[in-house]
Amino acid sequence: MANNFFRFKKFTIQQEKSAMKVTTDACTFGAWVAEKSKGRIRNILDIGTGTGLLMLMLAQKTKAEITGIEIDCAAAEQAKENCAASSWSTRLEVFNADVRKFEFRNSYDLIISNPPFHKNQLVSPDEKKNLAHHSSGLELNELITVASSFLQPLGHIAVLIPFYRNNEMIETATARGFYVREKLLMKQSPTHDFFRSVIIFSRIKNPDPEVSIITISDSEGNYTAEFIELLKDYYFNL
């Protein structure tokens, strides 16, 4: 059973109200995008913010104004509480709404999302978990369409998806005028296959996008040097 909270060096995520708990892949996503965003991002939108994890990771590394939107009422309440308890509360805002029907006041330099992952997979009897984990809530094409409406012309979209949906995500984005700028592929260990993709898209064509690989644990089950380097400002005991 997952803990009701996850304590980071500079903030704490309370998560008992949210179906989407803190995960290693989400933390890797947040840390990697935060590193890419330091010093040049003015405002950020997090679609499907859940507990507010990504908002807080990005707030720690940037000076951006960050907005989160979450369709589930209890999760949105939890995200508001987590943001309010942080050192960066004055530049964080959370809305409980369906992003497909919401009119934002701003357009954004960066839009991030850890969207509902799975398609045509076994579902849970828990409707909140289905909404958080399965694409019955927000399809990838809807995510790109909505994001494009609120993105600055030179802005970027960053998404975390299962590796098996990597090509689908790229094809969906390309059909709507977005192209891969950078990509991070995640492996659990040297003997595992890739299991997650982080993709950053922009409207500018890039014939040779940079592809990075991160392996979370070594063959002995310890965190790898590259994982420690990426997460050392967030995780205790790194």
Protein backbone atom coordinates (compact mmCIF):
# COMPACT_ATOMS: atom_id res chain seq x y z
CA MET A 1 0.00 0.00 0.00
CA ALA A 2 1.38 3.42 -0.97
CA ASN A 3 2.28 5.90 1.77
CA ASN A 4 -0.07 8.82 2.32
CA PHE A 5 2.83 11.21 1.77
CA PHE A 6 6.18 11.43 -0.02
CA ARG A 7 8.76 13.77 1.49
CA PHE A 8 11.24 15.52 -0.78
CA LYS A 9 14.12 17.75 0.32
CA LYS A 10 12.19 20.99 -0.16
CA PHE A 11 8.51 20.00 -0.23
CA THR A 12 6.13 17.21 0.73
CA ILE A 13 3.48 15.52 -1.41
CA GLN A 14 0.39 14.42 0.50
CA GLN A 15 -1.35 11.87 -1.72
CA GLU A 16 -4.14 10.05 0.11
CA LYS A 17 -6.85 11.84 -1.91
CA SER A 18 -5.33 11.19 -5.34
CA ALA A 19 -5.45 8.02 -7.44
CA MET A 20 -2.13 9.01 -9.03
CA LYS A 21 0.60 8.46 -6.43
CA VAL A 22 4.22 9.61 -6.60
CA THR A 23 6.20 7.32 -8.92
CA THR A 24 9.85 7.12 -9.88
CA ASP A 25 9.10 7.70 -13.56
CA ALA A 26 7.04 10.83 -12.81
CA CYS A 27 9.88 12.16 -10.61
CA THR A 28 12.38 11.47 -13.40
CA PHE A 29 10.11 13.30 -15.84
CA GLY A 30 9.75 16.31 -13.56
CA ALA A 31 13.45 16.54 -12.80
CA TRP A 32 14.51 16.20 -16.45
CA VAL A 33 12.05 18.81 -17.72
CA ALA A 34 12.93 21.14 -14.84
CA GLU A 35 16.62 20.98 -15.82
CA LYS A 36 15.69 21.84 -19.40
CA SER A 37 13.55 24.78 -18.25
CA LYS A 38 15.83 26.65 -15.85
CA GLY A 39 16.26 30.34 -16.53
CA ARG A 40 14.08 30.75 -19.60
CA ILE A 41 10.51 29.71 -18.81
CA ARG A 42 8.09 32.39 -17.60
CA ASN A 43 4.91 30.37 -17.19
CA ILE A 44 3.94 26.71 -17.20
CA LEU A 45 0.68 24.75 -17.46
CA ASP A 46 0.44 21.25 -15.96
CA ILE A 47 -2.46 19.30 -17.49
CA GLY A 48 -3.75 16.58 -15.16
CA THR A 49 -1.72 17.79 -12.21
CA GLY A 50 -2.83 15.07 -9.75
CA THR A 51 -1.07 15.80 -6.46
CA GLY A 52 0.82 18.78 -7.87
CA LEU A 53 4.10 16.83 -8.00
CA LEU A 54 5.31 18.22 -11.33
CA MET A 55 4.27 21.75 -10.42
CA LEU A 56 6.40 21.63 -7.28
CA MET A 57 9.41 20.03 -8.95
CA LEU A 58 9.39 22.74 -11.61
CA ALA A 59 8.78 25.47 -9.04
CA GLN A 60 11.92 24.38 -7.19
CA LYS A 61 14.11 24.82 -10.28
CA THR A 62 12.48 27.74 -12.10
CA LYS A 63 10.99 31.13 -11.30
CA ALA A 64 7.96 30.48 -13.49
CA GLU A 65 4.33 31.10 -12.65
CA ILE A 66 2.79 27.61 -12.73
CA THR A 67 -0.85 26.65 -13.28
CA GLY A 68 -2.22 23.15 -12.73
CA ILE A 69 -5.56 21.78 -13.88
CA GLU A 70 -7.09 18.55 -12.55
CA ILE A 71 -10.48 17.05 -13.39
CA ASP A 72 -10.83 15.01 -10.18
CA CYS A 73 -12.13 17.15 -7.33
CA ALA A 74 -10.32 15.36 -4.48
CA ALA A 75 -7.00 15.29 -6.33
CA ALA A 76 -7.32 18.99 -7.21
CA GLU A 77 -7.99 19.78 -3.55
CA GLN A 78 -4.88 17.82 -2.58
CA ALA A 79 -2.77 19.63 -5.20
CA LYS A 80 -3.95 22.97 -3.83
CA GLU A 81 -3.00 21.90 -0.31
CA ASN A 82 0.44 20.68 -1.41
CA CYS A 83 1.13 23.89 -3.32
CA ALA A 84 -0.10 26.09 -0.47
CA ALA A 85 2.25 24.30 1.96
CA SER A 86 5.30 24.92 -0.25
CA SER A 87 7.77 27.79 -0.35
CA TRP A 88 6.53 28.79 -3.82
CA SER A 89 2.79 29.09 -3.11
CA THR A 90 2.51 32.65 -4.43
CA ARG A 91 3.30 31.55 -7.98
CA LEU A 92 1.28 28.31 -8.03
CA GLU A 93 -2.42 28.01 -8.92
CA VAL A 94 -4.63 24.93 -9.30
CA PHE A 95 -8.00 24.67 -11.04
CA ASN A 96 -10.50 21.82 -10.63
CA ALA A 97 -11.85 21.56 -14.17
CA ASP A 98 -11.91 19.62 -17.43
CA VAL A 99 -9.12 21.09 -19.54
CA ARG A 100 -11.15 20.43 -22.69
CA LYS A 101 -13.75 22.96 -21.54
CA PHE A 102 -11.64 25.46 -19.63
CA GLU A 103 -10.65 28.93 -20.83
CA PHE A 104 -7.26 29.96 -19.45
CA ARG A 105 -6.35 33.60 -18.92
CA ASN A 106 -2.84 33.11 -20.29
CA SER A 107 -0.87 31.31 -22.94
CA TYR A 108 2.14 29.31 -21.81
CA ASP A 109 5.83 28.87 -22.61
CA LEU A 110 5.71 25.24 -21.49
CA ILE A 111 2.85 22.76 -21.15
CA ILE A 112 3.60 19.53 -19.30
CA SER A 113 1.45 16.46 -18.83
CA ASN A 114 1.67 12.99 -17.35
CA PRO A 115 -1.54 11.98 -19.15
CA PRO A 116 -3.71 8.87 -18.65
CA PHE A 117 -1.33 6.13 -19.76
CA HIS A 118 -2.97 3.03 -20.99
CA LYS A 119 -5.14 2.16 -23.95
CA ASN A 120 -6.96 -1.15 -24.46
CA GLN A 121 -5.52 -2.46 -21.17
CA LEU A 122 -7.27 -4.10 -18.21
CA VAL A 123 -9.11 -1.49 -16.17
CA SER A 124 -9.76 -1.21 -12.47
CA PRO A 125 -13.18 -1.21 -10.76
CA ASP A 126 -12.02 2.08 -9.21
CA GLU A 127 -13.23 4.84 -11.54
CA LYS A 128 -10.71 7.36 -10.15
CA LYS A 129 -7.83 5.02 -11.00
CA ASN A 130 -9.24 4.50 -14.49
CA LEU A 131 -9.43 8.26 -15.03
CA ALA A 132 -5.86 8.70 -13.80
CA HIS A 133 -4.27 5.73 -15.59
CA HIS A 134 -6.36 4.98 -18.70
CA SER A 135 -7.05 7.08 -21.77
CA SER A 136 -10.83 6.91 -21.38
CA GLY A 137 -10.45 10.36 -19.76
CA LEU A 138 -8.18 12.32 -22.09
CA GLU A 139 -6.97 10.92 -25.40
CA LEU A 140 -3.54 11.85 -26.74
CA ASN A 141 -5.03 13.72 -29.71
CA GLU A 142 -7.20 15.74 -27.33
CA LEU A 143 -4.17 16.54 -25.18
CA ILE A 144 -2.23 17.90 -28.16
CA THR A 145 -5.24 19.83 -29.49
CA VAL A 146 -5.93 21.44 -26.12
CA ALA A 147 -2.26 22.17 -25.47
CA SER A 148 -1.82 23.84 -28.84
CA SER A 149 -4.65 26.25 -28.02
CA PHE A 150 -2.85 27.63 -24.97
CA LEU A 151 0.79 27.36 -26.05
CA GLN A 152 2.94 30.31 -27.06
CA PRO A 153 4.09 30.13 -30.72
CA LEU A 154 7.64 29.24 -29.66
CA GLY A 155 6.54 27.18 -26.66
CA HIS A 156 7.06 23.51 -25.87
CA ILE A 157 4.92 20.54 -24.84
CA ALA A 158 6.49 17.86 -22.62
CA VAL A 159 4.74 14.53 -22.04
CA LEU A 160 5.45 11.30 -20.17
CA ILE A 161 4.00 8.20 -21.80
CA PRO A 162 4.48 4.42 -21.86
CA PHE A 163 7.21 3.45 -24.30
CA TYR A 164 4.78 1.28 -26.30
CA ARG A 165 2.83 4.46 -27.16
CA ASN A 166 5.93 6.40 -28.22
CA ASN A 167 5.29 6.23 -31.97
CA GLU A 168 1.57 6.88 -31.54
CA MET A 169 2.34 10.03 -29.55
CA ILE A 170 4.81 11.30 -32.15
CA GLU A 171 2.41 10.61 -35.05
CA THR A 172 -0.44 12.32 -33.20
CA ALA A 173 1.65 15.40 -32.47
CA THR A 174 3.12 15.60 -35.97
CA ALA A 175 -0.36 15.50 -37.50
CA ARG A 176 -1.13 18.66 -35.53
CA GLY A 177 2.06 20.50 -36.45
CA PHE A 178 4.33 19.54 -33.55
CA TYR A 179 7.75 17.93 -33.89
CA VAL A 180 10.11 16.14 -31.53
CA ARG A 181 12.74 18.44 -30.08
CA GLU A 182 14.21 16.07 -27.47
CA LYS A 183 13.42 12.65 -26.08
CA LEU A 184 14.36 10.74 -22.93
CA LEU A 185 13.94 6.96 -22.80
CA MET A 186 13.74 5.24 -19.40
CA LYS A 187 14.81 1.76 -18.36
CA GLN A 188 14.32 0.20 -14.93
CA SER A 189 17.67 -1.63 -15.11
CA PRO A 190 20.29 -2.65 -17.72
CA THR A 191 18.40 -5.90 -18.39
CA HIS A 192 14.97 -4.32 -18.80
CA ASP A 193 13.47 -2.92 -21.98
CA PHE A 194 12.47 0.74 -22.19
CA PHE A 195 9.24 1.36 -20.29
CA ARG A 196 8.67 5.15 -20.46
CA SER A 197 9.30 7.94 -22.94
CA VAL A 198 9.57 11.64 -22.18
CA ILE A 199 9.09 13.69 -25.32
CA ILE A 200 9.44 17.45 -25.74
CA PHE A 201 7.63 18.86 -28.77
CA SER A 202 7.73 22.25 -30.47
CA ARG A 203 6.31 23.73 -33.67
CA ILE A 204 9.81 23.94 -35.17
CA LYS A 205 10.95 20.99 -37.27
CA ASN A 206 14.09 19.32 -35.97
CA PRO A 207 15.61 16.80 -38.38
CA ASP A 208 17.91 15.35 -35.72
CA PRO A 209 16.25 15.46 -32.27
CA GLU A 210 18.45 14.62 -29.30
CA VAL A 211 17.69 11.23 -27.69
CA SER A 212 18.91 10.49 -24.16
CA ILE A 213 18.64 7.29 -22.13
CA ILE A 214 18.43 6.95 -18.37
CA THR A 215 18.61 3.68 -16.44
CA ILE A 216 17.16 3.98 -12.94
CA SER A 217 18.91 1.07 -11.18
CA ASP A 218 22.09 -0.87 -11.84
CA SER A 219 22.40 -4.66 -11.94
CA GLU A 220 22.67 -4.75 -8.15
CA GLY A 221 19.51 -2.75 -7.59
CA ASN A 222 21.21 0.51 -6.61
CA TYR A 223 20.40 3.85 -8.21
CA THR A 224 22.69 4.62 -11.15
CA ALA A 225 25.02 7.63 -11.18
CA GLU A 226 22.93 9.42 -13.83
CA PHE A 227 19.73 8.91 -11.84
CA ILE A 228 21.38 10.22 -8.67
CA GLU A 229 22.70 13.26 -10.53
CA LEU A 230 19.23 14.05 -11.89
CA LEU A 231 17.29 13.56 -8.64
CA LYS A 232 19.86 14.59 -6.01
CA ASP A 233 18.21 18.00 -5.43
CA TYR A 234 14.87 16.30 -4.70
CA TYR A 235 15.37 12.92 -3.06
CA PHE A 236 16.69 12.44 0.45
CA ASN A 237 19.70 10.13 0.82
CA LEU A 238 21.10 10.88 -2.64
